[in-house]
Each structure stands twice: as structure tokens, then as C-alpha cells.
């Protein structure tokens, strides 16, 4: 069964899902502000309608976040650090 093409495709899909989910989770954190989404759009080279209810988890997977994982992490980490500073100042 390991040699079946369908098994290979399912394994690939599951692995892609497993690696993409943490990136999606970071993007849904409350520290992501519109300015960070602007940076994300520039990094991904796409317009993101992140506030639209139609922007579902499926839309995130269509973005192929894994190809830009480093950029996604970098923007999210900056957003998180800025949030910490803003919280401390408040």
C-alpha cells in the first residue's frame, strides 16, 4: 500500500496541513493589526481579505503559506513583540 499513489498524496496533504496549521494560528492571534496584514500582503504578493467572513481556513491553504513560511513567521513575531511593548506601555 505504501507504493500506491493515493497513499503518497494523502501523506503529502496531511504533512502540508500539519506544517501550515501553526502559521494559520499565528495569523489569527489578536496581536495581528492592519499594519501587520499590510506587511503580510506584501510578503505574499497577494491581497488578503482577512476581515471578510468568507476568508476561511481553506483560503489560508490556497495562499500556500509554506512557500513563504519565513516571511509569515517574521511578520507575526514582529507583531507579537510590538504587542508586548504596547501592553507594557498601557
PDB file of N, CA and C in Angstrom:
ATOM      1  N   UNK A   1       0.810  -1.195   0.000  1.00  0.00           N
ATOM      2  CA  UNK A   1       0.000   0.000   0.000  1.00  0.00           C
ATOM      3  C   UNK A   1       0.861   1.269   0.000  1.00  0.00           C
ATOM      4  N   UNK A   2       2.055   1.221   0.570  1.00  0.00           N
ATOM      5  CA  UNK A   2       2.901   2.410   0.646  1.00  0.00           C
ATOM      6  C   UNK A   2       3.282   2.933  -0.730  1.00  0.00           C
ATOM      7  N   UNK A   3       3.217   2.090  -1.734  1.00  0.00           N
ATOM      8  CA  UNK A   3       3.601   2.495  -3.079  1.00  0.00           C
ATOM      9  C   UNK A   3       2.434   3.059  -3.879  1.00  0.00           C
ATOM     10  N   UNK A   4       1.238   2.965  -3.346  1.00  0.00           N
ATOM     11  CA  UNK A   4       0.079   3.491  -4.048  1.00  0.00           C
ATOM     12  C   UNK A   4       0.160   5.011  -4.115  1.00  0.00           C
ATOM     13  N   UNK A   5      -0.201   5.539  -5.248  1.00  0.00           N
ATOM     14  CA  UNK A   5      -0.150   6.989  -5.434  1.00  0.00           C
ATOM     15  C   UNK A   5      -1.095   7.716  -4.477  1.00  0.00           C
ATOM     16  N   UNK A   6      -2.255   7.149  -4.239  1.00  0.00           N
ATOM     17  CA  UNK A   6      -3.221   7.798  -3.349  1.00  0.00           C
ATOM     18  C   UNK A   6      -2.668   7.908  -1.927  1.00  0.00           C
ATOM     19  N   UNK A   7      -1.933   6.907  -1.478  1.00  0.00           N
ATOM     20  CA  UNK A   7      -1.341   6.939  -0.141  1.00  0.00           C
ATOM     21  C   UNK A   7      -0.303   8.046  -0.070  1.00  0.00           C
ATOM     22  N   UNK A   8       0.497   8.169  -1.094  1.00  0.00           N
ATOM     23  CA  UNK A   8       1.511   9.220  -1.146  1.00  0.00           C
ATOM     24  C   UNK A   8       0.863  10.599  -1.144  1.00  0.00           C
ATOM     25  N   UNK A   9      -0.208  10.765  -1.909  1.00  0.00           N
ATOM     26  CA  UNK A   9      -0.899  12.056  -1.960  1.00  0.00           C
ATOM     27  C   UNK A   9      -1.517  12.410  -0.611  1.00  0.00           C
ATOM     28  N   UNK A  10      -2.108  11.436   0.045  1.00  0.00           N
ATOM     29  CA  UNK A  10      -2.712  11.696   1.353  1.00  0.00           C
ATOM     30  C   UNK A  10      -1.643  12.061   2.367  1.00  0.00           C
ATOM     31  N   UNK A  11      -0.533  11.343   2.346  1.00  0.00           N
ATOM     32  CA  UNK A  11       0.570  11.664   3.262  1.00  0.00           C
ATOM     33  C   UNK A  11       1.063  13.092   3.032  1.00  0.00           C
ATOM     34  N   UNK A  12       1.202  13.471   1.775  1.00  0.00           N
ATOM     35  CA  UNK A  12       1.661  14.813   1.440  1.00  0.00           C
ATOM     36  C   UNK A  12       0.661  15.855   1.929  1.00  0.00           C
ATOM     37  N   UNK A  13      -0.624  15.596   1.710  1.00  0.00           N
ATOM     38  CA  UNK A  13      -1.666  16.537   2.154  1.00  0.00           C
ATOM     39  C   UNK A  13      -1.676  16.690   3.670  1.00  0.00           C
ATOM     40  N   UNK A  14      -1.552  15.585   4.378  1.00  0.00           N
ATOM     41  CA  UNK A  14      -1.549  15.627   5.839  1.00  0.00           C
ATOM     42  C   UNK A  14      -0.319  16.369   6.344  1.00  0.00           C
ATOM     43  N   UNK A  15       0.822  16.131   5.742  1.00  0.00           N
ATOM     44  CA  UNK A  15       2.054  16.811   6.163  1.00  0.00           C
ATOM     45  C   UNK A  15       1.969  18.313   5.883  1.00  0.00           C
ATOM     46  N   UNK A  16       1.419  18.686   4.741  1.00  0.00           N
ATOM     47  CA  UNK A  16       1.233  20.097   4.414  1.00  0.00           C
ATOM     48  C   UNK A  16       0.298  20.746   5.427  1.00  0.00           C
ATOM     49  N   UNK A  17      -0.788  20.065   5.760  1.00  0.00           N
ATOM     50  CA  UNK A  17      -1.734  20.562   6.754  1.00  0.00           C
ATOM     51  C   UNK A  17      -1.049  20.741   8.100  1.00  0.00           C
ATOM     52  N   UNK A  18      -0.283  19.742   8.502  1.00  0.00           N
ATOM     53  CA  UNK A  18       0.404  19.779   9.795  1.00  0.00           C
ATOM     54  C   UNK A  18       1.394  20.932   9.885  1.00  0.00           C
ATOM     55  N   UNK A  19       2.072  21.238   8.801  1.00  0.00           N
ATOM     56  CA  UNK A  19       3.055  22.313   8.805  1.00  0.00           C
ATOM     57  C   UNK A  19       2.420  23.697   8.649  1.00  0.00           C
ATOM     58  N   UNK A  20       1.273  23.762   7.979  1.00  0.00           N
ATOM     59  CA  UNK A  20       0.610  25.037   7.725  1.00  0.00           C
ATOM     60  C   UNK A  20      -0.212  25.514   8.916  1.00  0.00           C
ATOM     61  N   UNK A  21      -0.764  24.603   9.667  1.00  0.00           N
ATOM     62  CA  UNK A  21      -1.644  24.966  10.774  1.00  0.00           C
ATOM     63  C   UNK A  21      -1.012  25.929  11.780  1.00  0.00           C
ATOM     64  N   UNK A  22       0.239  25.739  12.211  1.00  0.00           N
ATOM     65  CA  UNK A  22       0.843  26.718  13.140  1.00  0.00           C
ATOM     66  C   UNK A  22       0.953  28.121  12.534  1.00  0.00           C
ATOM     67  N   UNK A  23       1.177  28.206  11.225  1.00  0.00           N
ATOM     68  CA  UNK A  23       1.253  29.515  10.571  1.00  0.00           C
ATOM     69  C   UNK A  23      -0.112  30.194  10.590  1.00  0.00           C
ATOM     70  N   UNK A  24      -1.156  29.424  10.336  1.00  0.00           N
ATOM     71  CA  UNK A  24      -2.511  29.965  10.361  1.00  0.00           C
ATOM     72  C   UNK A  24      -2.853  30.434  11.766  1.00  0.00           C
ATOM     73  N   UNK A  25      -2.458  29.651  12.748  1.00  0.00           N
ATOM     74  CA  UNK A  25      -2.727  30.018  14.142  1.00  0.00           C
ATOM     75  C   UNK A  25      -2.069  31.356  14.484  1.00  0.00           C
ATOM     76  N   UNK A  26      -0.840  31.552  14.029  1.00  0.00           N
ATOM     77  CA  UNK A  26      -0.143  32.817  14.290  1.00  0.00           C
ATOM     78  C   UNK A  26      -0.884  33.984  13.648  1.00  0.00           C
ATOM     79  N   UNK A  27      -1.409  33.769  12.455  1.00  0.00           N
ATOM     80  CA  UNK A  27      -2.110  34.839  11.755  1.00  0.00           C
ATOM     81  C   UNK A  27      -3.431  35.205  12.414  1.00  0.00           C
ATOM     82  N   UNK A  28      -3.995  34.306  13.180  1.00  0.00           N
ATOM     83  CA  UNK A  28      -5.274  34.563  13.835  1.00  0.00           C
ATOM     84  C   UNK A  28      -5.114  35.123  15.241  1.00  0.00           C
ATOM     85  N   UNK A  29      -3.905  35.352  15.683  1.00  0.00           N
ATOM     86  CA  UNK A  29      -3.671  35.898  17.021  1.00  0.00           C
ATOM     87  C   UNK A  29      -4.128  37.353  17.079  1.00  0.00           C
ATOM     88  N   UNK A  30      -4.549  37.813  18.270  1.00  0.00           N
ATOM     89  CA  UNK A  30      -5.057  39.184  18.398  1.00  0.00           C
ATOM     90  C   UNK A  30      -3.999  40.264  18.196  1.00  0.00           C
ATOM     91  N   UNK A  31      -2.735  39.902  18.228  1.00  0.00           N
ATOM     92  CA  UNK A  31      -1.695  40.908  18.045  1.00  0.00           C
ATOM     93  C   UNK A  31      -1.511  41.311  16.586  1.00  0.00           C
ATOM     94  N   UNK A  32      -2.152  40.624  15.663  1.00  0.00           N
ATOM     95  CA  UNK A  32      -2.064  40.983  14.245  1.00  0.00           C
ATOM     96  C   UNK A  32      -2.946  42.199  13.971  1.00  0.00           C
ATOM     97  N   UNK A  33      -2.320  43.320  13.686  1.00  0.00           N
ATOM     98  CA  UNK A  33      -3.002  44.574  13.418  1.00  0.00           C
ATOM     99  C   UNK A  33      -3.040  44.808  11.893  1.00  0.00           C
ATOM    100  N   UNK A  34      -3.861  45.747  11.436  1.00  0.00           N
ATOM    101  CA  UNK A  34      -3.906  46.028   9.991  1.00  0.00           C
ATOM    102  C   UNK A  34      -2.536  46.322   9.382  1.00  0.00           C
ATOM    103  N   UNK A  35      -1.663  46.990  10.132  1.00  0.00           N
ATOM    104  CA  UNK A  35      -0.325  47.276   9.589  1.00  0.00           C
ATOM    105  C   UNK A  35       0.467  45.985   9.350  1.00  0.00           C
ATOM    106  N   UNK A  36       0.240  44.992  10.195  1.00  0.00           N
ATOM    107  CA  UNK A  36       0.927  43.717  10.016  1.00  0.00           C
ATOM    108  C   UNK A  36       0.343  42.952   8.827  1.00  0.00           C
ATOM    109  N   UNK A  37      -0.971  43.074   8.654  1.00  0.00           N
ATOM    110  CA  UNK A  37      -1.606  42.442   7.500  1.00  0.00           C
ATOM    111  C   UNK A  37      -1.112  43.091   6.206  1.00  0.00           C
ATOM    112  N   UNK A  38      -0.854  44.394   6.229  1.00  0.00           N
ATOM    113  CA  UNK A  38      -0.292  45.060   5.056  1.00  0.00           C
ATOM    114  C   UNK A  38       1.074  44.470   4.717  1.00  0.00           C
ATOM    115  N   UNK A  39       1.894  44.266   5.732  1.00  0.00           N
ATOM    116  CA  UNK A  39       3.211  43.642   5.516  1.00  0.00           C
ATOM    117  C   UNK A  39       3.051  42.220   4.996  1.00  0.00           C
ATOM    118  N   UNK A  40       2.064  41.499   5.526  1.00  0.00           N
ATOM    119  CA  UNK A  40       1.830  40.124   5.101  1.00  0.00           C
ATOM    120  C   UNK A  40       1.422  40.084   3.632  1.00  0.00           C
ATOM    121  N   UNK A  41       0.576  41.021   3.235  1.00  0.00           N
ATOM    122  CA  UNK A  41       0.149  41.070   1.836  1.00  0.00           C
ATOM    123  C   UNK A  41       1.333  41.339   0.905  1.00  0.00           C
ATOM    124  N   UNK A  42       2.224  42.212   1.326  1.00  0.00           N
ATOM    125  CA  UNK A  42       3.414  42.495   0.522  1.00  0.00           C
ATOM    126  C   UNK A  42       4.317  41.269   0.447  1.00  0.00           C
ATOM    127  N   UNK A  43       4.471  40.584   1.570  1.00  0.00           N
ATOM    128  CA  UNK A  43       5.333  39.401   1.604  1.00  0.00           C
ATOM    129  C   UNK A  43       4.775  38.278   0.726  1.00  0.00           C
ATOM    130  N   UNK A  44       3.462  38.105   0.745  1.00  0.00           N
ATOM    131  CA  UNK A  44       2.833  37.039  -0.026  1.00  0.00           C
ATOM    132  C   UNK A  44       2.537  37.449  -1.465  1.00  0.00           C
ATOM    133  N   UNK A  45       2.561  38.767  -1.712  1.00  0.00           N
ATOM    134  CA  UNK A  45       2.274  39.248  -3.057  1.00  0.00           C
ATOM    135  C   UNK A  45       0.823  39.073  -3.453  1.00  0.00           C
ATOM    136  N   UNK A  46      -0.073  39.083  -2.456  1.00  0.00           N
ATOM    137  CA  UNK A  46      -1.495  38.887  -2.704  1.00  0.00           C
ATOM    138  C   UNK A  46      -2.308  39.793  -1.796  1.00  0.00           C
ATOM    139  N   UNK A  47      -3.492  40.153  -2.276  1.00  0.00           N
ATOM    140  CA  UNK A  47      -4.425  40.917  -1.453  1.00  0.00           C
ATOM    141  C   UNK A  47      -5.188  39.916  -0.593  1.00  0.00           C
ATOM    142  N   UNK A  48      -5.199  40.158   0.713  1.00  0.00           N
ATOM    143  CA  UNK A  48      -5.870  39.266   1.644  1.00  0.00           C
ATOM    144  C   UNK A  48      -7.093  39.947   2.227  1.00  0.00           C
ATOM    145  N   UNK A  49      -8.226  39.331   2.094  1.00  0.00           N
ATOM    146  CA  UNK A  49      -9.455  39.869   2.681  1.00  0.00           C
ATOM    147  C   UNK A  49      -9.666  39.209   4.038  1.00  0.00           C
ATOM    148  N   UNK A  50      -8.725  39.423   4.938  1.00  0.00           N
ATOM    149  CA  UNK A  50      -8.692  38.738   6.227  1.00  0.00           C
ATOM    150  C   UNK A  50      -9.861  39.082   7.132  1.00  0.00           C
ATOM    151  N   UNK A  51     -10.508  40.210   6.932  1.00  0.00           N
ATOM    152  CA  UNK A  51     -11.644  40.582   7.770  1.00  0.00           C
ATOM    153  C   UNK A  51     -12.972  40.046   7.219  1.00  0.00           C
ATOM    154  N   UNK A  52     -12.960  39.539   6.013  1.00  0.00           N
ATOM    155  CA  UNK A  52     -14.150  39.011   5.372  1.00  0.00           C
ATOM    156  C   UNK A  52     -14.499  37.639   5.964  1.00  0.00           C
ATOM    157  N   UNK A  53     -15.769  37.425   6.263  1.00  0.00           N
ATOM    158  CA  UNK A  53     -16.188  36.134   6.832  1.00  0.00           C
ATOM    159  C   UNK A  53     -15.966  34.987   5.849  1.00  0.00           C
ATOM    160  N   UNK A  54     -15.889  35.295   4.579  1.00  0.00           N
ATOM    161  CA  UNK A  54     -15.661  34.269   3.560  1.00  0.00           C
ATOM    162  C   UNK A  54     -14.196  33.822   3.521  1.00  0.00           C
ATOM    163  N   UNK A  55     -13.345  34.521   4.265  1.00  0.00           N
ATOM    164  CA  UNK A  55     -11.924  34.158   4.322  1.00  0.00           C
ATOM    165  C   UNK A  55     -11.770  33.034   5.335  1.00  0.00           C
ATOM    166  N   UNK A  56     -11.916  31.825   4.874  1.00  0.00           N
ATOM    167  CA  UNK A  56     -11.936  30.644   5.729  1.00  0.00           C
ATOM    168  C   UNK A  56     -10.565  29.978   5.764  1.00  0.00           C
ATOM    169  N   UNK A  57     -10.491  28.899   6.499  1.00  0.00           N
ATOM    170  CA  UNK A  57      -9.230  28.150   6.581  1.00  0.00           C
ATOM    171  C   UNK A  57      -8.811  27.647   5.201  1.00  0.00           C
ATOM    172  N   UNK A  58      -9.784  27.356   4.368  1.00  0.00           N
ATOM    173  CA  UNK A  58      -9.474  26.940   3.004  1.00  0.00           C
ATOM    174  C   UNK A  58      -8.738  28.019   2.234  1.00  0.00           C
ATOM    175  N   UNK A  59      -9.108  29.278   2.479  1.00  0.00           N
ATOM    176  CA  UNK A  59      -8.432  30.399   1.828  1.00  0.00           C
ATOM    177  C   UNK A  59      -6.982  30.487   2.274  1.00  0.00           C
ATOM    178  N   UNK A  60      -6.734  30.216   3.538  1.00  0.00           N
ATOM    179  CA  UNK A  60      -5.357  30.213   4.035  1.00  0.00           C
ATOM    180  C   UNK A  60      -4.525  29.157   3.321  1.00  0.00           C
ATOM    181  N   UNK A  61      -5.122  27.983   3.115  1.00  0.00           N
ATOM    182  CA  UNK A  61      -4.375  26.925   2.438  1.00  0.00           C
ATOM    183  C   UNK A  61      -4.122  27.270   0.979  1.00  0.00           C
ATOM    184  N   UNK A  62      -5.025  27.998   0.353  1.00  0.00           N
ATOM    185  CA  UNK A  62      -4.820  28.418  -1.036  1.00  0.00           C
ATOM    186  C   UNK A  62      -3.642  29.385  -1.163  1.00  0.00           C
ATOM    187  N   UNK A  63      -3.320  30.076  -0.083  1.00  0.00           N
ATOM    188  CA  UNK A  63      -2.205  31.033  -0.103  1.00  0.00           C
ATOM    189  C   UNK A  63      -0.849  30.358  -0.204  1.00  0.00           C
ATOM    190  N   UNK A  64      -0.802  29.052   0.062  1.00  0.00           N
ATOM    191  CA  UNK A  64       0.461  28.310   0.065  1.00  0.00           C
ATOM    192  C   UNK A  64       1.460  28.973   1.014  1.00  0.00           C
ATOM    193  N   UNK A  65       1.039  29.091   2.262  1.00  0.00           N
ATOM    194  CA  UNK A  65       1.844  29.762   3.280  1.00  0.00           C
ATOM    195  C   UNK A  65       3.200  29.108   3.490  1.00  0.00           C
ATOM    196  N   UNK A  66       3.294  27.808   3.239  1.00  0.00           N
ATOM    197  CA  UNK A  66       4.574  27.125   3.452  1.00  0.00           C
ATOM    198  C   UNK A  66       5.674  27.684   2.558  1.00  0.00           C
ATOM    199  N   UNK A  67       5.298  28.145   1.370  1.00  0.00           N
ATOM    200  CA  UNK A  67       6.326  28.678   0.468  1.00  0.00           C
ATOM    201  C   UNK A  67       6.907  29.986   0.989  1.00  0.00           C
ATOM    202  N   UNK A  68       6.166  30.666   1.871  1.00  0.00           N
ATOM    203  CA  UNK A  68       6.615  31.933   2.452  1.00  0.00           C
ATOM    204  C   UNK A  68       6.650  31.852   3.977  1.00  0.00           C
ATOM    205  N   UNK A  69       6.882  30.669   4.507  1.00  0.00           N
ATOM    206  CA  UNK A  69       6.813  30.442   5.956  1.00  0.00           C
ATOM    207  C   UNK A  69       7.724  31.379   6.743  1.00  0.00           C
ATOM    208  N   UNK A  70       8.913  31.626   6.257  1.00  0.00           N
ATOM    209  CA  UNK A  70       9.840  32.508   6.978  1.00  0.00           C
ATOM    210  C   UNK A  70       9.294  33.929   7.056  1.00  0.00           C
ATOM    211  N   UNK A  71       8.733  34.409   5.964  1.00  0.00           N
ATOM    212  CA  UNK A  71       8.152  35.756   5.955  1.00  0.00           C
ATOM    213  C   UNK A  71       6.958  35.848   6.893  1.00  0.00           C
ATOM    214  N   UNK A  72       6.115  34.819   6.877  1.00  0.00           N
ATOM    215  CA  UNK A  72       4.940  34.792   7.752  1.00  0.00           C
ATOM    216  C   UNK A  72       5.386  34.823   9.211  1.00  0.00           C
ATOM    217  N   UNK A  73       6.334  33.978   9.555  1.00  0.00           N
ATOM    218  CA  UNK A  73       6.830  33.946  10.935  1.00  0.00           C
ATOM    219  C   UNK A  73       7.434  35.284  11.345  1.00  0.00           C
ATOM    220  N   UNK A  74       8.198  35.876  10.447  1.00  0.00           N
ATOM    221  CA  UNK A  74       8.859  37.144  10.761  1.00  0.00           C
ATOM    222  C   UNK A  74       7.836  38.244  11.052  1.00  0.00           C
ATOM    223  N   UNK A  75       6.827  38.377  10.200  1.00  0.00           N
ATOM    224  CA  UNK A  75       5.794  39.401  10.410  1.00  0.00           C
ATOM    225  C   UNK A  75       5.058  39.138  11.719  1.00  0.00           C
ATOM    226  N   UNK A  76       4.723  37.876  11.981  1.00  0.00           N
ATOM    227  CA  UNK A  76       3.993  37.533  13.205  1.00  0.00           C
ATOM    228  C   UNK A  76       4.832  37.766  14.455  1.00  0.00           C
ATOM    229  N   UNK A  77       6.114  37.464  14.382  1.00  0.00           N
ATOM    230  CA  UNK A  77       6.990  37.696  15.531  1.00  0.00           C
ATOM    231  C   UNK A  77       7.133  39.190  15.823  1.00  0.00           C
ATOM    232  N   UNK A  78       7.261  39.993  14.788  1.00  0.00           N
ATOM    233  CA  UNK A  78       7.329  41.441  14.973  1.00  0.00           C
ATOM    234  C   UNK A  78       6.026  41.931  15.603  1.00  0.00           C
ATOM    235  N   UNK A  79       4.902  41.437  15.104  1.00  0.00           N
ATOM    236  CA  UNK A  79       3.596  41.830  15.644  1.00  0.00           C
ATOM    237  C   UNK A  79       3.482  41.461  17.119  1.00  0.00           C
ATOM    238  N   UNK A  80       3.945  40.266  17.461  1.00  0.00           N
ATOM    239  CA  UNK A  80       3.879  39.817  18.855  1.00  0.00           C
ATOM    240  C   UNK A  80       4.741  40.693  19.757  1.00  0.00           C
ATOM    241  N   UNK A  81       5.938  41.024  19.313  1.00  0.00           N
ATOM    242  CA  UNK A  81       6.841  41.866  20.110  1.00  0.00           C
ATOM    243  C   UNK A  81       6.273  43.284  20.266  1.00  0.00           C
ATOM    244  N   UNK A  82       5.700  43.807  19.201  1.00  0.00           N
ATOM    245  CA  UNK A  82       5.082  45.134  19.287  1.00  0.00           C
ATOM    246  C   UNK A  82       3.913  45.105  20.262  1.00  0.00           C
ATOM    247  N   UNK A  83       3.150  44.025  20.244  1.00  0.00           N
ATOM    248  CA  UNK A  83       2.020  43.880  21.163  1.00  0.00           C
ATOM    249  C   UNK A  83       2.493  43.856  22.612  1.00  0.00           C
ATOM    250  N   UNK A  84       3.595  43.168  22.866  1.00  0.00           N
ATOM    251  CA  UNK A  84       4.153  43.122  24.224  1.00  0.00           C
ATOM    252  C   UNK A  84       4.537  44.527  24.692  1.00  0.00           C
ATOM    253  N   UNK A  85       5.162  45.287  23.812  1.00  0.00           N
ATOM    254  CA  UNK A  85       5.576  46.653  24.146  1.00  0.00           C
ATOM    255  C   UNK A  85       4.349  47.523  24.404  1.00  0.00           C
ATOM    256  N   UNK A  86       3.357  47.425  23.491  1.00  0.00           N
ATOM    257  CA  UNK A  86       2.128  48.211  23.660  1.00  0.00           C
ATOM    258  C   UNK A  86       1.424  47.869  24.966  1.00  0.00           C
ATOM    259  N   UNK A  87       1.389  46.594  25.307  1.00  0.00           N
ATOM    260  CA  UNK A  87       0.747  46.160  26.554  1.00  0.00           C
ATOM    261  C   UNK A  87       1.491  46.685  27.774  1.00  0.00           C
ATOM    262  N   UNK A  88       2.815  46.654  27.711  1.00  0.00           N
ATOM    263  CA  UNK A  88       3.619  47.154  28.825  1.00  0.00           C
ATOM    264  C   UNK A  88       3.436  48.652  29.016  1.00  0.00           C
ATOM    265  N   UNK A  89       3.331  49.372  27.929  1.00  0.00           N
ATOM    266  CA  UNK A  89       3.150  50.819  27.997  1.00  0.00           C
ATOM    267  C   UNK A  89       1.737  51.189  28.503  1.00  0.00           C
ATOM    268  N   UNK A  90       0.773  50.344  28.176  1.00  0.00           N
ATOM    269  CA  UNK A  90      -0.596  50.612  28.617  1.00  0.00           C
ATOM    270  C   UNK A  90      -0.688  50.353  30.110  1.00  0.00           C
TER     271      UNK A  90
END
